[in-house]
Each structure stands twice: as C-alpha cells, then as structure tokens.
Amino acid sequence: MRTEGFLPADLHVHTNHSDSPTRVRDALKLAARQGIGLAITDHNQISGVLEAERLKTGVPVVPGIEISAGDGPHILLYFFSISDLTEFYRRYVERNKQTSPYIGIRLNTEEILAAREGYPCVAAEAHPCGYAFLNRGVGRCIATGCTQEDIFSRLDALEVICGGMARAHNLRAAALARRHDLGRTGGTDSHLLHELGGVVTCARAGTVEEFLEAILGRRTVVIGQEKHFFAKAVMGAAVLPQHLPYTAPILRARAEQHLPAIRRRFRLW
C-alpha cells in the first residue's frame, strides 16, 4: 500500500492516558514496524497525543480525541494541528468533564459539533450502530428518539469498520455513510497493544494534512476486520479495572442518557 502511495492509519487507538494499558512509546514502535500511522484517541483526554508529539519518532500521528458526549454518542475529532487540538480540549472538554474521566462530558453531541466548527478538523462518529443497550452511537440514539436524523449533516465521516463491533453493526454504518454522503474512517478501537493495525483507513497522502483532506474529500478506503468474541472478552477484562473506581457515576450517567427514551415510551403508551 505504501508503494502505491497510500498512507494507512489506525484511527481509533487508546493508551494508558485513558483506559488502556498500552504505553504511547510501545504503540509508536509497533506502528513503525507495521509501516502505518495512527490516531491516539483517548477518552476525553489529549495527554497521550502530546506525549507522542514529544517523542518525535517519525510515525505519522493524527492529533485526535474521542469525546464522550453527554447524551451518549462518542465523537472522534481529528485536528490538523496539535495547537488547535490543545485549545479545543482546554476550552470545551477539560472544563466540562465529570467525576469519571470516561463518562459523557457536560456537552451533548450537537454542542460538541457546534464547538468544533470553529476549528480545522474532521468530525467522525465512532461505532455509530453499535452497543444495543447503550447510547454510544448516533444510530442507536436516533432509533430511541434521543437524537434527530439531521445530526448526520453536522458530521464529516462515520467509522464504518470499528474493530470492537460486530460485522452487522459495521455494515449498517457503511450503509449510513453512503446514504448521507459522508466520509469513511476505520480503526481497531484498540485497548491492547497487539490489536493495533487490525483496521486501517487508507488514503493517497504524504502528510497528515493530506490524509485528513482525503477523508473530507471522500477519498479513503477502509480495510480490516472485527475482533472475535474471545478477543473482545480479553480486552474487556483488561480495561475493567480502570472503570471500577467510577462504577457509581458511570451507572448514573447511563441512567440519565436513557431517560429521554424511557419518557418517550411512556408517552407512546
């Protein structure tokens, strides 16, 4: 792929700056061996990206973040510059965090997408059709009446292959991207080092800036496959200790996210 002028990059990678045991240095070493770039997209956090920038390994690093919206969806933002990512984080994410670093911040999906319009960046929705019992995708939120379908007009791309999702969920995400003429991205949603590179987004690009322009221009190809059930179970067991100290606020946040759907059902009855 590199010989043909493509830059492949795993656009959904977590590190020990959020709920993964993977060190940034190790992720960069593996990406270098694989000949790929990556986006460090820690939950509501950018310190992993800043560490990668300081290390200056030569691996193409897309400045990114995965923001957990207050109403449920996870928004992947990819910035053209570290300075813009840092400013956005400090103005909109850091000051709106709640007790747990992994639950939704005090901004909903529409507010996050409105805030990002002041910055050169790419807004993609992570696993848009996944998590049947959680509002972690716009597809789920639309189905439950928590979000209106016009939210797609505020996005640049959808994650059409997420390594942590089922094949059926990813196929539905790809269909949504076609229906709404959105760009396509993909990533492993890796929390364990060996998962890195299992899904890559490919574009004819020589720089990170050209790569992001290719997403905006609908000129990407996504290659990879989903993790099997055992691999997902291993990953879940590995990240569980990071979430356990925040069990109460996480459960409270989940309940609040489902209130609109519950109220809607009672009105229908």
C-alpha atoms as a PDB file:
ATOM      1  CA  MET A   1       0.000   0.000   0.000  1.00  0.00           C
ATOM      2  CA  ARG A   2       2.820   2.417   0.802  1.00  0.00           C
ATOM      3  CA  THR A   3       4.474   1.592  -2.537  1.00  0.00           C
ATOM      4  CA  GLU A   4       1.260   2.602  -4.309  1.00  0.00           C
ATOM      5  CA  GLY A   5       1.251   5.952  -2.494  1.00  0.00           C
ATOM      6  CA  PHE A   6      -1.266   5.090   0.210  1.00  0.00           C
ATOM      7  CA  LEU A   7      -0.824   6.055   3.832  1.00  0.00           C
ATOM      8  CA  PRO A   8      -2.633   3.524   6.077  1.00  0.00           C
ATOM      9  CA  ALA A   9      -3.502   4.648   9.608  1.00  0.00           C
ATOM     10  CA  ASP A  10      -5.367   3.120  12.537  1.00  0.00           C
ATOM     11  CA  LEU A  11      -7.657   5.994  13.516  1.00  0.00           C
ATOM     12  CA  HIS A  12      -9.006   4.660  16.828  1.00  0.00           C
ATOM     13  CA  VAL A  13      -6.277   3.836  19.351  1.00  0.00           C
ATOM     14  CA  HIS A  14      -6.327   4.107  23.149  1.00  0.00           C
ATOM     15  CA  THR A  15      -3.352   4.332  25.505  1.00  0.00           C
ATOM     16  CA  ASN A  16      -2.596   4.369  29.220  1.00  0.00           C
ATOM     17  CA  HIS A  17      -3.579   8.037  29.234  1.00  0.00           C
ATOM     18  CA  SER A  18      -7.176   6.775  29.418  1.00  0.00           C
ATOM     19  CA  ASP A  19      -8.441   3.214  29.957  1.00  0.00           C
ATOM     20  CA  SER A  20      -5.797   1.139  28.165  1.00  0.00           C
ATOM     21  CA  PRO A  21      -2.564  -0.391  29.492  1.00  0.00           C
ATOM     22  CA  THR A  22      -0.780   0.406  26.203  1.00  0.00           C
ATOM     23  CA  ARG A  23       2.127   2.820  26.514  1.00  0.00           C
ATOM     24  CA  VAL A  24       2.404   5.515  23.851  1.00  0.00           C
ATOM     25  CA  ARG A  25       6.012   4.584  23.163  1.00  0.00           C
ATOM     26  CA  ASP A  26       5.056   0.951  22.519  1.00  0.00           C
ATOM     27  CA  ALA A  27       2.175   1.907  20.229  1.00  0.00           C
ATOM     28  CA  LEU A  28       4.506   4.072  18.155  1.00  0.00           C
ATOM     29  CA  LYS A  29       7.125   1.318  17.920  1.00  0.00           C
ATOM     30  CA  LEU A  30       4.566  -1.200  16.684  1.00  0.00           C
ATOM     31  CA  ALA A  31       3.101   1.289  14.186  1.00  0.00           C
ATOM     32  CA  ALA A  32       6.623   1.924  12.848  1.00  0.00           C
ATOM     33  CA  ARG A  33       7.197  -1.830  12.360  1.00  0.00           C
ATOM     34  CA  GLN A  34       3.846  -2.149  10.588  1.00  0.00           C
ATOM     35  CA  GLY A  35       4.537   0.878   8.396  1.00  0.00           C
ATOM     36  CA  ILE A  36       1.327   2.666   9.407  1.00  0.00           C
ATOM     37  CA  GLY A  37       0.236   5.890  11.048  1.00  0.00           C
ATOM     38  CA  LEU A  38      -2.170   6.161  13.943  1.00  0.00           C
ATOM     39  CA  ALA A  39      -4.504   8.489  15.785  1.00  0.00           C
ATOM     40  CA  ILE A  40      -4.311   8.378  19.568  1.00  0.00           C
ATOM     41  CA  THR A  41      -7.937   8.927  20.534  1.00  0.00           C
ATOM     42  CA  ASP A  42      -8.070   8.633  24.290  1.00  0.00           C
ATOM     43  CA  HIS A  43     -11.384   9.197  26.061  1.00  0.00           C
ATOM     44  CA  ASN A  44     -11.808  12.908  26.843  1.00  0.00           C
ATOM     45  CA  GLN A  45      -8.024  13.284  27.043  1.00  0.00           C
ATOM     46  CA  ILE A  46      -5.136  14.522  24.850  1.00  0.00           C
ATOM     47  CA  SER A  47      -2.039  13.924  27.009  1.00  0.00           C
ATOM     48  CA  GLY A  48      -1.238  10.764  25.016  1.00  0.00           C
ATOM     49  CA  VAL A  49      -1.148  12.773  21.790  1.00  0.00           C
ATOM     50  CA  LEU A  50       1.134  15.332  23.415  1.00  0.00           C
ATOM     51  CA  GLU A  51       3.483  12.570  24.567  1.00  0.00           C
ATOM     52  CA  ALA A  52       3.611  11.141  21.043  1.00  0.00           C
ATOM     53  CA  GLU A  53       4.448  14.593  19.696  1.00  0.00           C
ATOM     54  CA  ARG A  54       7.321  14.971  22.173  1.00  0.00           C
ATOM     55  CA  LEU A  55       8.794  11.581  21.241  1.00  0.00           C
ATOM     56  CA  LYS A  56       9.149  12.581  17.551  1.00  0.00           C
ATOM     57  CA  THR A  57       9.512   9.014  16.250  1.00  0.00           C
ATOM     58  CA  GLY A  58       8.647   9.845  12.638  1.00  0.00           C
ATOM     59  CA  VAL A  59       5.439   7.807  12.748  1.00  0.00           C
ATOM     60  CA  PRO A  60       2.545   9.815  11.231  1.00  0.00           C
ATOM     61  CA  VAL A  61       0.385  10.761  14.224  1.00  0.00           C
ATOM     62  CA  VAL A  62      -3.061  12.264  13.606  1.00  0.00           C
ATOM     63  CA  PRO A  63      -3.925  14.598  16.522  1.00  0.00           C
ATOM     64  CA  GLY A  64      -7.174  13.163  17.849  1.00  0.00           C
ATOM     65  CA  ILE A  65      -9.545  12.673  20.739  1.00  0.00           C
ATOM     66  CA  GLU A  66     -12.634  10.538  21.418  1.00  0.00           C
ATOM     67  CA  ILE A  67     -15.175  12.682  23.210  1.00  0.00           C
ATOM     68  CA  SER A  68     -17.970  11.014  25.141  1.00  0.00           C
ATOM     69  CA  ALA A  69     -20.984  13.243  24.596  1.00  0.00           C
ATOM     70  CA  GLY A  70     -23.377  13.808  27.480  1.00  0.00           C
ATOM     71  CA  ASP A  71     -26.242  12.263  25.502  1.00  0.00           C
ATOM     72  CA  GLY A  72     -24.263   9.113  24.661  1.00  0.00           C
ATOM     73  CA  PRO A  73     -22.510   9.145  21.260  1.00  0.00           C
ATOM     74  CA  HIS A  74     -18.722   9.076  21.016  1.00  0.00           C
ATOM     75  CA  ILE A  75     -17.319  11.729  18.694  1.00  0.00           C
ATOM     76  CA  LEU A  76     -13.886  11.264  17.127  1.00  0.00           C
ATOM     77  CA  LEU A  77     -12.267  14.598  16.294  1.00  0.00           C
ATOM     78  CA  TYR A  78      -9.097  14.697  14.173  1.00  0.00           C
ATOM     79  CA  PHE A  79      -7.250  18.010  14.063  1.00  0.00           C
ATOM     80  CA  PHE A  80      -4.833  19.399  11.508  1.00  0.00           C
ATOM     81  CA  SER A  81      -2.595  20.755  14.272  1.00  0.00           C
ATOM     82  CA  ILE A  82      -1.651  19.939  17.861  1.00  0.00           C
ATOM     83  CA  SER A  83      -2.206  23.565  18.856  1.00  0.00           C
ATOM     84  CA  ASP A  84      -5.825  23.526  17.668  1.00  0.00           C
ATOM     85  CA  LEU A  85      -6.462  20.210  19.437  1.00  0.00           C
ATOM     86  CA  THR A  86      -4.981  21.593  22.659  1.00  0.00           C
ATOM     87  CA  GLU A  87      -7.027  24.793  22.511  1.00  0.00           C
ATOM     88  CA  PHE A  88     -10.246  22.916  21.755  1.00  0.00           C
ATOM     89  CA  TYR A  89      -9.602  20.478  24.605  1.00  0.00           C
ATOM     90  CA  ARG A  90      -8.998  23.225  27.146  1.00  0.00           C
ATOM     91  CA  ARG A  91     -11.972  25.342  26.069  1.00  0.00           C
ATOM     92  CA  TYR A  92     -14.607  22.649  25.646  1.00  0.00           C
ATOM     93  CA  VAL A  93     -13.576  19.271  27.073  1.00  0.00           C
ATOM     94  CA  GLU A  94     -11.409  19.807  30.145  1.00  0.00           C
ATOM     95  CA  ARG A  95     -13.768  22.235  31.860  1.00  0.00           C
ATOM     96  CA  ASN A  96     -16.803  20.053  31.117  1.00  0.00           C
ATOM     97  CA  LYS A  97     -15.534  16.733  32.481  1.00  0.00           C
ATOM     98  CA  GLN A  98     -17.482  14.943  35.182  1.00  0.00           C
ATOM     99  CA  THR A  99     -16.471  12.675  38.077  1.00  0.00           C
ATOM    100  CA  SER A 100     -15.399   9.769  35.878  1.00  0.00           C
ATOM    101  CA  PRO A 101     -12.977  10.574  33.051  1.00  0.00           C
ATOM    102  CA  TYR A 102     -14.726   8.043  30.812  1.00  0.00           C
ATOM    103  CA  ILE A 103     -18.371   9.117  31.014  1.00  0.00           C
ATOM    104  CA  GLY A 104     -20.048  11.788  28.948  1.00  0.00           C
ATOM    105  CA  ILE A 105     -18.912  15.357  29.426  1.00  0.00           C
ATOM    106  CA  ARG A 106     -21.398  18.158  30.120  1.00  0.00           C
ATOM    107  CA  LEU A 107     -21.884  18.861  26.412  1.00  0.00           C
ATOM    108  CA  ASN A 108     -24.230  16.900  24.174  1.00  0.00           C
ATOM    109  CA  THR A 109     -23.481  15.795  20.615  1.00  0.00           C
ATOM    110  CA  GLU A 110     -24.891  18.906  18.957  1.00  0.00           C
ATOM    111  CA  GLU A 111     -22.963  21.210  21.298  1.00  0.00           C
ATOM    112  CA  ILE A 112     -19.686  19.376  20.630  1.00  0.00           C
ATOM    113  CA  LEU A 113     -20.205  19.512  16.864  1.00  0.00           C
ATOM    114  CA  ALA A 114     -21.120  23.198  17.055  1.00  0.00           C
ATOM    115  CA  ALA A 115     -17.955  23.944  19.041  1.00  0.00           C
ATOM    116  CA  ARG A 116     -15.687  22.138  16.604  1.00  0.00           C
ATOM    117  CA  GLU A 117     -16.924  24.225  13.653  1.00  0.00           C
ATOM    118  CA  GLY A 118     -14.517  26.960  14.683  1.00  0.00           C
ATOM    119  CA  TYR A 119     -11.520  24.673  14.054  1.00  0.00           C
ATOM    120  CA  PRO A 120      -9.998  22.947  11.017  1.00  0.00           C
ATOM    121  CA  CYS A 121     -10.727  19.344  11.922  1.00  0.00           C
ATOM    122  CA  VAL A 122     -12.597  16.215  10.878  1.00  0.00           C
ATOM    123  CA  ALA A 123     -15.604  15.062  12.905  1.00  0.00           C
ATOM    124  CA  ALA A 124     -16.374  11.341  12.698  1.00  0.00           C
ATOM    125  CA  GLU A 125     -18.786   9.288  14.769  1.00  0.00           C
ATOM    126  CA  ALA A 126     -17.333   6.200  16.444  1.00  0.00           C
ATOM    127  CA  HIS A 127     -19.165   2.863  16.167  1.00  0.00           C
ATOM    128  CA  PRO A 128     -22.381   4.602  15.007  1.00  0.00           C
ATOM    129  CA  CYS A 129     -24.520   1.435  15.020  1.00  0.00           C
ATOM    130  CA  GLY A 130     -23.079  -0.445  17.960  1.00  0.00           C
ATOM    131  CA  TYR A 131     -23.931  -1.148  21.587  1.00  0.00           C
ATOM    132  CA  ALA A 132     -27.567  -2.276  21.531  1.00  0.00           C
ATOM    133  CA  PHE A 133     -28.245  -1.279  25.146  1.00  0.00           C
ATOM    134  CA  LEU A 134     -26.153   1.912  25.313  1.00  0.00           C
ATOM    135  CA  ASN A 135     -26.490   5.250  23.514  1.00  0.00           C
ATOM    136  CA  ARG A 136     -22.926   5.138  22.236  1.00  0.00           C
ATOM    137  CA  GLY A 137     -23.803   5.663  18.584  1.00  0.00           C
ATOM    138  CA  VAL A 138     -25.984   8.080  16.659  1.00  0.00           C
ATOM    139  CA  GLY A 139     -27.805   5.166  15.041  1.00  0.00           C
ATOM    140  CA  ARG A 140     -28.908   3.929  18.454  1.00  0.00           C
ATOM    141  CA  CYS A 141     -29.824   7.448  19.600  1.00  0.00           C
ATOM    142  CA  ILE A 142     -31.950   8.086  16.525  1.00  0.00           C
ATOM    143  CA  ALA A 143     -33.731   4.749  17.000  1.00  0.00           C
ATOM    144  CA  THR A 144     -34.618   5.642  20.591  1.00  0.00           C
ATOM    145  CA  GLY A 145     -35.670   9.190  19.752  1.00  0.00           C
ATOM    146  CA  CYS A 146     -32.831  10.830  21.681  1.00  0.00           C
ATOM    147  CA  THR A 147     -31.327  12.419  18.556  1.00  0.00           C
ATOM    148  CA  GLN A 148     -32.751  13.650  15.263  1.00  0.00           C
ATOM    149  CA  GLU A 149     -31.503  12.252  11.956  1.00  0.00           C
ATOM    150  CA  ASP A 150     -30.311  15.667  10.779  1.00  0.00           C
ATOM    151  CA  ILE A 151     -27.301  15.157  13.093  1.00  0.00           C
ATOM    152  CA  PHE A 152     -25.614  13.466  10.122  1.00  0.00           C
ATOM    153  CA  SER A 153     -25.379  16.831   8.371  1.00  0.00           C
ATOM    154  CA  ARG A 154     -23.086  18.019  11.185  1.00  0.00           C
ATOM    155  CA  LEU A 155     -20.613  15.142  10.703  1.00  0.00           C
ATOM    156  CA  ASP A 156     -17.827  14.727   8.152  1.00  0.00           C
ATOM    157  CA  ALA A 157     -17.469  10.944   8.373  1.00  0.00           C
ATOM    158  CA  LEU A 158     -18.615   7.741  10.019  1.00  0.00           C
ATOM    159  CA  GLU A 159     -16.457   4.949  11.387  1.00  0.00           C
ATOM    160  CA  VAL A 160     -17.533   2.187   9.001  1.00  0.00           C
ATOM    161  CA  ILE A 161     -15.220  -0.508  10.400  1.00  0.00           C
ATOM    162  CA  CYS A 162     -14.689  -0.498  14.145  1.00  0.00           C
ATOM    163  CA  GLY A 163     -12.682  -3.480  15.369  1.00  0.00           C
ATOM    164  CA  GLY A 164     -14.743  -3.725  18.544  1.00  0.00           C
ATOM    165  CA  MET A 165     -18.104  -4.000  16.774  1.00  0.00           C
ATOM    166  CA  ALA A 166     -19.980  -6.876  15.167  1.00  0.00           C
ATOM    167  CA  ARG A 167     -19.916  -7.227  11.373  1.00  0.00           C
ATOM    168  CA  ALA A 168     -23.638  -6.403  11.149  1.00  0.00           C
ATOM    169  CA  HIS A 169     -23.111  -3.113  13.017  1.00  0.00           C
ATOM    170  CA  ASN A 170     -20.285  -2.097  10.691  1.00  0.00           C
ATOM    171  CA  LEU A 171     -22.286  -2.953   7.579  1.00  0.00           C
ATOM    172  CA  ARG A 172     -25.104  -0.727   8.825  1.00  0.00           C
ATOM    173  CA  ALA A 173     -22.597   2.058   9.499  1.00  0.00           C
ATOM    174  CA  ALA A 174     -21.255   1.760   5.937  1.00  0.00           C
ATOM    175  CA  ALA A 175     -24.806   1.958   4.576  1.00  0.00           C
ATOM    176  CA  LEU A 176     -25.428   5.115   6.625  1.00  0.00           C
ATOM    177  CA  ALA A 177     -22.239   6.689   5.263  1.00  0.00           C
ATOM    178  CA  ARG A 178     -23.401   6.011   1.699  1.00  0.00           C
ATOM    179  CA  ARG A 179     -26.925   7.267   2.367  1.00  0.00           C
ATOM    180  CA  HIS A 180     -25.743  10.542   3.882  1.00  0.00           C
ATOM    181  CA  ASP A 181     -22.714  11.009   1.580  1.00  0.00           C
ATOM    182  CA  LEU A 182     -20.241  11.016   4.450  1.00  0.00           C
ATOM    183  CA  GLY A 183     -16.561  10.155   4.520  1.00  0.00           C
ATOM    184  CA  ARG A 184     -15.402   6.757   5.738  1.00  0.00           C
ATOM    185  CA  THR A 185     -12.950   6.046   8.525  1.00  0.00           C
ATOM    186  CA  GLY A 186     -11.966   2.944  10.434  1.00  0.00           C
ATOM    187  CA  GLY A 187      -9.909   1.860  13.399  1.00  0.00           C
ATOM    188  CA  THR A 188      -9.434  -1.002  15.799  1.00  0.00           C
ATOM    189  CA  ASP A 189     -10.686   0.799  18.923  1.00  0.00           C
ATOM    190  CA  SER A 190      -7.601  -0.874  20.358  1.00  0.00           C
ATOM    191  CA  HIS A 191      -7.038  -1.008  24.096  1.00  0.00           C
ATOM    192  CA  LEU A 192      -4.405  -3.765  23.946  1.00  0.00           C
ATOM    193  CA  LEU A 193      -1.169  -3.330  22.033  1.00  0.00           C
ATOM    194  CA  HIS A 194      -1.469  -6.389  19.797  1.00  0.00           C
ATOM    195  CA  GLU A 195      -4.782  -5.083  18.397  1.00  0.00           C
ATOM    196  CA  LEU A 196      -3.116  -2.051  16.793  1.00  0.00           C
ATOM    197  CA  GLY A 197      -3.303  -2.042  12.997  1.00  0.00           C
ATOM    198  CA  GLY A 198      -6.138  -4.563  12.700  1.00  0.00           C
ATOM    199  CA  VAL A 199      -8.233  -1.908  10.915  1.00  0.00           C
ATOM    200  CA  VAL A 200      -6.714   0.900   8.857  1.00  0.00           C
ATOM    201  CA  THR A 201      -8.007   3.876   6.926  1.00  0.00           C
ATOM    202  CA  CYS A 202      -6.045   4.356   3.693  1.00  0.00           C
ATOM    203  CA  ALA A 203      -5.600   7.486   1.608  1.00  0.00           C
ATOM    204  CA  ARG A 204      -3.199   8.649  -1.088  1.00  0.00           C
ATOM    205  CA  ALA A 205      -1.345  11.094   1.126  1.00  0.00           C
ATOM    206  CA  GLY A 206       2.161  12.016   2.117  1.00  0.00           C
ATOM    207  CA  THR A 207       1.302  14.041   5.203  1.00  0.00           C
ATOM    208  CA  VAL A 208      -1.260  14.046   7.992  1.00  0.00           C
ATOM    209  CA  GLU A 209      -2.821  17.166   6.489  1.00  0.00           C
ATOM    210  CA  GLU A 210      -3.282  15.465   3.098  1.00  0.00           C
ATOM    211  CA  PHE A 211      -4.670  12.411   4.876  1.00  0.00           C
ATOM    212  CA  LEU A 212      -7.364  14.449   6.644  1.00  0.00           C
ATOM    213  CA  GLU A 213      -8.197  16.274   3.407  1.00  0.00           C
ATOM    214  CA  ALA A 214      -8.743  12.876   1.790  1.00  0.00           C
ATOM    215  CA  ILE A 215     -11.311  11.981   4.469  1.00  0.00           C
ATOM    216  CA  LEU A 216     -13.136  15.251   3.864  1.00  0.00           C
ATOM    217  CA  GLY A 217     -12.974  14.616   0.108  1.00  0.00           C
ATOM    218  CA  ARG A 218     -14.454  11.081   0.433  1.00  0.00           C
ATOM    219  CA  ARG A 219     -11.240   9.559  -0.964  1.00  0.00           C
ATOM    220  CA  THR A 220     -10.461   6.915   1.650  1.00  0.00           C
ATOM    221  CA  VAL A 221     -10.566   3.131   1.695  1.00  0.00           C
ATOM    222  CA  VAL A 222     -11.032   1.237   4.963  1.00  0.00           C
ATOM    223  CA  ILE A 223      -9.506  -2.233   5.370  1.00  0.00           C
ATOM    224  CA  GLY A 224      -9.682  -4.627   8.301  1.00  0.00           C
ATOM    225  CA  GLN A 225     -11.905  -6.918  10.279  1.00  0.00           C
ATOM    226  CA  GLU A 226     -13.666  -7.147  13.587  1.00  0.00           C
ATOM    227  CA  LYS A 227     -12.177  -8.834  16.639  1.00  0.00           C
ATOM    228  CA  HIS A 228     -13.635 -12.222  17.517  1.00  0.00           C
ATOM    229  CA  PHE A 229     -15.615 -12.741  20.712  1.00  0.00           C
ATOM    230  CA  PHE A 230     -12.717 -14.093  22.771  1.00  0.00           C
ATOM    231  CA  ALA A 231     -10.512 -11.120  21.868  1.00  0.00           C
ATOM    232  CA  LYS A 232     -13.278  -8.737  22.904  1.00  0.00           C
ATOM    233  CA  ALA A 233     -13.651 -10.552  26.217  1.00  0.00           C
ATOM    234  CA  VAL A 234      -9.914 -10.309  26.890  1.00  0.00           C
ATOM    235  CA  MET A 235      -9.963  -6.596  26.116  1.00  0.00           C
ATOM    236  CA  GLY A 236     -12.964  -6.057  28.392  1.00  0.00           C
ATOM    237  CA  ALA A 237     -11.232  -7.810  31.267  1.00  0.00           C
ATOM    238  CA  ALA A 238      -8.093  -5.708  30.723  1.00  0.00           C
ATOM    239  CA  VAL A 239      -9.881  -2.352  30.871  1.00  0.00           C
ATOM    240  CA  LEU A 240     -12.386  -3.207  33.613  1.00  0.00           C
ATOM    241  CA  PRO A 241     -10.040  -2.241  36.495  1.00  0.00           C
ATOM    242  CA  GLN A 242      -9.795   1.274  35.069  1.00  0.00           C
ATOM    243  CA  HIS A 243     -13.567   1.706  35.220  1.00  0.00           C
ATOM    244  CA  LEU A 244     -14.383   0.029  38.527  1.00  0.00           C
ATOM    245  CA  PRO A 245     -13.485   3.031  40.749  1.00  0.00           C
ATOM    246  CA  TYR A 246     -16.094   5.059  38.857  1.00  0.00           C
ATOM    247  CA  THR A 247     -18.915   2.495  38.902  1.00  0.00           C
ATOM    248  CA  ALA A 248     -21.461   4.772  40.608  1.00  0.00           C
ATOM    249  CA  PRO A 249     -21.038   7.835  38.334  1.00  0.00           C
ATOM    250  CA  ILE A 250     -20.929   5.594  35.243  1.00  0.00           C
ATOM    251  CA  LEU A 251     -24.233   3.919  36.165  1.00  0.00           C
ATOM    252  CA  ARG A 252     -25.784   7.288  36.977  1.00  0.00           C
ATOM    253  CA  ALA A 253     -24.693   8.687  33.614  1.00  0.00           C
ATOM    254  CA  ARG A 254     -26.093   5.660  31.766  1.00  0.00           C
ATOM    255  CA  ALA A 255     -29.446   6.107  33.503  1.00  0.00           C
ATOM    256  CA  GLU A 256     -29.566   9.810  32.607  1.00  0.00           C
ATOM    257  CA  GLN A 257     -28.777   9.043  28.961  1.00  0.00           C
ATOM    258  CA  HIS A 258     -31.694   6.626  28.780  1.00  0.00           C
ATOM    259  CA  LEU A 259     -34.256   8.924  30.407  1.00  0.00           C
ATOM    260  CA  PRO A 260     -35.407  10.548  27.121  1.00  0.00           C
ATOM    261  CA  ALA A 261     -36.091   7.139  25.580  1.00  0.00           C
ATOM    262  CA  ILE A 262     -37.949   5.955  28.695  1.00  0.00           C
ATOM    263  CA  ARG A 263     -40.107   9.098  28.773  1.00  0.00           C
ATOM    264  CA  ARG A 264     -40.841   8.723  25.069  1.00  0.00           C
ATOM    265  CA  ARG A 265     -42.036   5.141  25.568  1.00  0.00           C
ATOM    266  CA  PHE A 266     -44.369   6.140  28.385  1.00  0.00           C
ATOM    267  CA  ARG A 267     -45.843   8.906  26.205  1.00  0.00           C
ATOM    268  CA  LEU A 268     -46.459   6.384  23.412  1.00  0.00           C
ATOM    269  CA  TRP A 269     -48.177   4.038  25.849  1.00  0.00           C
END
